[in-house]
């Protein structure tokens, strides 16, 4: 239970940073020898707790979009942008779900992805960014779909869902803060779908104790994420993504050396 609590806090603190919350869960869980419910459902399901923090923080905006959907073109464009950003990873994730869980949920894969992703962030941050898109409501359908394709990279643990989405957005001319917020919004249907799918796939092996462990991690992730989600935007607006790149490279390299030493 204490391990589930700690992993929930790790999830909440890292979900909205381009450092891969799933990667951190795999690495920290491996260090602790954590044995969660079968099928890696714990690592996926507790991420929904962090995502619900976004729903709370942006409740008024999301509610306004829902209410205005039948009447306002801007609300419909916002909803379409989120749907198209979510669609590619939903289709691909369902198609290769078994391969992801059985092969890619490996600490060495995570370390390599962290390092490569760190260098990718450094490369993108060094490009000249002239923002063209500053509101999600203004995104054309093609832009949202292309960002969604970038999110598919995050099916590899260690890449980072928010990182892939944000970098794809930056490369296509989205303003930095808007890119981060779009990654938050796209995470809502993405993680809701992933959690529902994982729970359904593992329904026959989940026990009451397993659901209790998931619930503890879920609540801890929600509380931790609620405390940091606003801070993340302020930090990114001020310092960009370069600090996260160096963190990813350092963590990935150190953990890779350690893993190779003990195997």
Foldseek 3Di string as FASTA:
>chain_A
DVLLLVLLLLLLQPQLAQFFSLLVSLLSCVVVVPDAFPLCLLSLLLNLLNLVLVCVVCVVVLVVLVVCVVPDLLSVLLVLLLCLLQPPLLVVCVVCVVVLSPPQSDNLQLLVLLQVLLVLQVVLVPDDADADAEASSPDDNVLSNQLSVQLNVVSRGNRHNLSSSQSSCRVVRHDNLNSSVSSSSSVNVNSVSVSVVSCVVCVVRQDPVNVVSSVSSNNSSNVSNNVCVVVVSVCCVVPNRNVSSVVSNVVSVVSNVVVVVVD
